[in-house]
Amino acid sequence: MHTLSHPWFSHVSEPTGVVRAVVAVIWAVFLGVGASVAIPLPWTPVPITLQTLVLYTGAALLGRHFSLQMVLWYLALGGMGLPFFAGGTAGWSPLFGTTGGYLVGFGVAATWIGYWQPMVRSLRQQIFLFSTASGWLFACGVTWLALSMDISLSKALMAGFLPFIPGDILKIVMAAGLLSGWRRSCRCGPHDPWRWR
């Protein structure tokens, strides 16, 4: 047994699987609630939501052991009937619909952030990490959008990527700002991977 460097667990032993599951479920619910704040766009089936803000923040806070679990629980809860997908939809069909690639991209982006987060030491690095994660997310989403709608990649980019750039930049900056506030409020040791220098 050993203690974790993560601020949530810096004074306790390695959390059990039950604790991991509970924390992941809580963030999965946040991710689902983020889907309820949606702005539909008339030219694309992909709405604007707050989910990426929750995804970036949650994956960075939860780290390697928790980030992917958050997304898996989110997909499971939505698949089992909770209205956690865009537009308040539920069930397993959204996973195979036109926006299914973005749901897969959530898992890829969360894993990417969780893996690299311990190496982040500055606000600039944090923004860069979130930006690369966003790239993975949109790569999955746009590729599947093109295949499922049988449209060209350029049209898929117009429908599923370009309109979302300004909003995603804003959410990346907001998530990095939230994490900055978290770091200032927590007591981080000199060798803690969460300490910004």
Protein backbone atom coordinates (compact mmCIF):
# COMPACT_ATOMS: atom_id res chain seq x y z
CA MET A 1 0.00 0.00 0.00
CA HIS A 2 1.26 3.48 -0.74
CA THR A 3 -0.06 6.99 -0.70
CA LEU A 4 -1.01 8.85 -3.82
CA SER A 5 0.49 12.14 -4.97
CA HIS A 6 -2.93 13.23 -6.22
CA PRO A 7 -4.33 16.05 -4.01
CA TRP A 8 -7.56 14.14 -3.33
CA PHE A 9 -5.65 11.20 -1.86
CA SER A 10 -2.36 12.70 -0.66
CA HIS A 11 -2.98 11.64 2.95
CA VAL A 12 -4.65 8.27 2.39
CA SER A 13 -3.64 4.89 1.07
CA GLU A 14 -4.22 3.76 -2.50
CA PRO A 15 -8.02 3.87 -2.96
CA THR A 16 -9.89 0.65 -3.42
CA GLY A 17 -11.69 -0.32 -6.58
CA VAL A 18 -14.95 0.77 -4.96
CA VAL A 19 -13.61 4.26 -4.29
CA ARG A 20 -12.31 4.50 -7.85
CA ALA A 21 -15.70 3.47 -9.23
CA VAL A 22 -17.58 6.00 -7.09
CA VAL A 23 -15.35 8.90 -8.12
CA ALA A 24 -15.58 7.88 -11.78
CA VAL A 25 -19.38 7.62 -11.58
CA ILE A 26 -19.65 11.10 -10.06
CA TRP A 27 -17.70 12.60 -12.94
CA ALA A 28 -19.66 10.48 -15.41
CA VAL A 29 -22.84 12.10 -14.09
CA PHE A 30 -21.25 15.55 -14.52
CA LEU A 31 -20.41 14.57 -18.10
CA GLY A 32 -23.99 13.48 -18.69
CA VAL A 33 -25.39 16.69 -17.21
CA GLY A 34 -23.11 18.62 -19.56
CA ALA A 35 -25.02 17.11 -22.48
CA SER A 36 -28.25 18.71 -21.25
CA VAL A 37 -26.79 22.14 -21.94
CA ALA A 38 -26.95 21.88 -25.71
CA ILE A 39 -27.24 24.37 -28.55
CA PRO A 40 -28.37 22.65 -31.77
CA LEU A 41 -26.98 23.88 -35.08
CA PRO A 42 -29.26 23.66 -38.13
CA TRP A 43 -26.60 22.44 -40.59
CA THR A 44 -25.13 19.61 -38.53
CA PRO A 45 -26.33 16.77 -36.25
CA VAL A 46 -23.58 17.70 -33.78
CA PRO A 47 -24.75 20.18 -31.09
CA ILE A 48 -22.68 22.53 -28.96
CA THR A 49 -22.56 21.25 -25.36
CA LEU A 50 -20.61 21.75 -22.15
CA GLN A 51 -19.35 18.18 -22.22
CA THR A 52 -15.83 18.90 -23.40
CA LEU A 53 -15.37 21.40 -20.54
CA VAL A 54 -16.32 18.64 -18.08
CA LEU A 55 -14.28 16.05 -19.98
CA TYR A 56 -11.04 18.07 -19.96
CA THR A 57 -11.37 19.11 -16.32
CA GLY A 58 -12.47 15.69 -15.08
CA ALA A 59 -9.82 13.73 -16.96
CA ALA A 60 -7.06 16.02 -15.68
CA LEU A 61 -8.26 15.77 -12.08
CA LEU A 62 -8.91 12.06 -12.16
CA GLY A 63 -5.65 11.04 -13.81
CA ARG A 64 -4.54 7.79 -15.37
CA HIS A 65 -6.52 5.47 -13.14
CA PHE A 66 -9.81 7.33 -13.33
CA SER A 67 -10.17 9.24 -16.62
CA LEU A 68 -11.17 6.38 -18.90
CA GLN A 69 -13.41 4.90 -16.18
CA MET A 70 -15.32 8.20 -16.15
CA VAL A 71 -16.13 7.89 -19.86
CA LEU A 72 -16.96 4.18 -19.67
CA TRP A 73 -19.39 4.81 -16.82
CA TYR A 74 -20.90 7.72 -18.75
CA LEU A 75 -21.49 5.52 -21.80
CA ALA A 76 -22.86 2.70 -19.65
CA LEU A 77 -25.28 4.94 -17.76
CA GLY A 78 -26.48 6.56 -20.99
CA GLY A 79 -26.80 3.18 -22.66
CA MET A 80 -28.89 1.87 -19.77
CA GLY A 81 -31.42 4.66 -20.14
CA LEU A 82 -30.28 7.87 -18.49
CA PRO A 83 -30.67 10.89 -20.82
CA PHE A 84 -26.94 11.55 -20.92
CA PHE A 85 -26.36 11.89 -24.64
CA ALA A 86 -26.77 14.97 -26.82
CA GLY A 87 -30.35 16.19 -27.02
CA GLY A 88 -31.36 14.23 -23.93
CA THR A 89 -31.24 10.92 -25.77
CA ALA A 90 -30.41 7.58 -24.18
CA GLY A 91 -29.90 3.95 -25.10
CA TRP A 92 -27.24 2.27 -27.15
CA SER A 93 -28.29 3.63 -30.55
CA PRO A 94 -26.42 6.97 -30.19
CA LEU A 95 -23.18 5.01 -30.04
CA PHE A 96 -23.80 3.86 -33.60
CA GLY A 97 -25.40 7.07 -34.88
CA THR A 98 -23.82 10.01 -36.64
CA THR A 99 -22.33 11.39 -33.42
CA GLY A 100 -21.03 8.05 -32.15
CA GLY A 101 -17.48 8.93 -33.16
CA TYR A 102 -17.47 11.80 -30.69
CA LEU A 103 -18.48 9.44 -27.88
CA VAL A 104 -15.56 7.19 -28.79
CA GLY A 105 -13.41 10.31 -28.97
CA PHE A 106 -14.35 11.11 -25.37
CA GLY A 107 -12.60 7.93 -24.28
CA VAL A 108 -9.54 8.60 -26.44
CA ALA A 109 -9.25 12.21 -25.23
CA ALA A 110 -9.75 11.29 -21.57
CA THR A 111 -7.11 8.57 -21.77
CA TRP A 112 -4.69 10.95 -23.48
CA ILE A 113 -5.18 13.64 -20.81
CA GLY A 114 -5.00 11.18 -17.94
CA TYR A 115 -1.76 9.69 -19.22
CA TRP A 116 0.11 12.95 -19.82
CA GLN A 117 -1.36 15.07 -16.99
CA PRO A 118 1.33 14.18 -14.40
CA MET A 119 3.93 15.78 -16.67
CA VAL A 120 2.13 19.13 -16.90
CA ARG A 121 4.02 21.94 -15.14
CA SER A 122 2.59 25.14 -16.57
CA LEU A 123 -0.55 26.76 -17.87
CA ARG A 124 0.88 26.69 -21.38
CA GLN A 125 1.50 22.94 -21.16
CA GLN A 126 -2.02 22.43 -19.80
CA ILE A 127 -3.59 24.27 -22.69
CA PHE A 128 -1.41 22.35 -25.14
CA LEU A 129 -2.46 19.03 -23.58
CA PHE A 130 -6.14 19.91 -23.80
CA SER A 131 -5.69 21.09 -27.38
CA THR A 132 -4.08 17.83 -28.48
CA ALA A 133 -6.83 15.87 -26.69
CA SER A 134 -9.38 17.96 -28.56
CA GLY A 135 -7.64 17.01 -31.79
CA TRP A 136 -8.02 13.31 -31.01
CA LEU A 137 -11.67 13.80 -30.09
CA PHE A 138 -12.54 15.63 -33.30
CA ALA A 139 -10.49 13.20 -35.40
CA CYS A 140 -12.67 10.35 -34.14
CA GLY A 141 -15.87 12.35 -34.45
CA VAL A 142 -15.31 13.79 -37.91
CA THR A 143 -14.09 10.49 -39.36
CA TRP A 144 -17.18 8.63 -38.15
CA LEU A 145 -19.43 11.51 -39.22
CA ALA A 146 -18.10 11.26 -42.79
CA LEU A 147 -18.53 7.48 -42.88
CA SER A 148 -21.99 7.37 -41.29
CA MET A 149 -23.40 10.17 -43.44
CA ASP A 150 -21.51 9.07 -46.57
CA ILE A 151 -20.11 12.54 -47.16
CA SER A 152 -16.64 13.79 -48.07
CA LEU A 153 -14.10 14.55 -45.37
CA SER A 154 -14.20 18.25 -46.26
CA LYS A 155 -17.96 18.35 -45.71
CA ALA A 156 -17.57 16.45 -42.46
CA LEU A 157 -15.01 19.01 -41.30
CA MET A 158 -17.44 21.81 -42.14
CA ALA A 159 -20.22 20.09 -40.23
CA GLY A 160 -18.38 18.54 -37.32
CA PHE A 161 -15.23 20.54 -36.63
CA LEU A 162 -14.87 24.08 -37.97
CA PRO A 163 -18.04 25.51 -36.28
CA PHE A 164 -16.84 24.24 -32.91
CA ILE A 165 -13.32 25.69 -32.89
CA PRO A 166 -14.13 29.01 -31.11
CA GLY A 167 -16.22 27.30 -28.43
CA ASP A 168 -13.67 24.59 -27.85
CA ILE A 169 -10.88 27.13 -27.47
CA LEU A 170 -12.99 28.89 -24.85
CA LYS A 171 -13.68 25.64 -22.98
CA ILE A 172 -10.01 24.66 -23.08
CA VAL A 173 -9.04 27.99 -21.51
CA MET A 174 -11.84 27.69 -18.94
CA ALA A 175 -10.80 24.15 -17.98
CA ALA A 176 -7.17 25.22 -17.64
CA GLY A 177 -8.28 28.15 -15.49
CA LEU A 178 -10.32 25.87 -13.22
CA LEU A 179 -7.32 23.61 -12.76
CA SER A 180 -5.14 26.62 -12.01
CA GLY A 181 -7.51 27.58 -9.20
CA TRP A 182 -7.49 24.01 -7.93
CA ARG A 183 -3.71 23.92 -7.75
CA ARG A 184 -3.59 27.18 -5.85
CA SER A 185 -6.13 25.96 -3.32
CA CYS A 186 -4.52 22.57 -2.68
CA ARG A 187 -1.31 21.98 -0.81
CA CYS A 188 1.13 20.51 -3.30
CA GLY A 189 4.53 19.27 -2.29
CA PRO A 190 7.67 20.35 -4.19
CA HIS A 191 7.76 17.06 -6.11
CA ASP A 192 4.03 16.70 -6.61
CA PRO A 193 3.19 16.32 -10.33
CA TRP A 194 0.31 18.74 -9.82
CA ARG A 195 2.59 21.56 -8.71
CA TRP A 196 2.96 24.26 -11.36
CA ARG A 197 6.32 25.98 -11.30
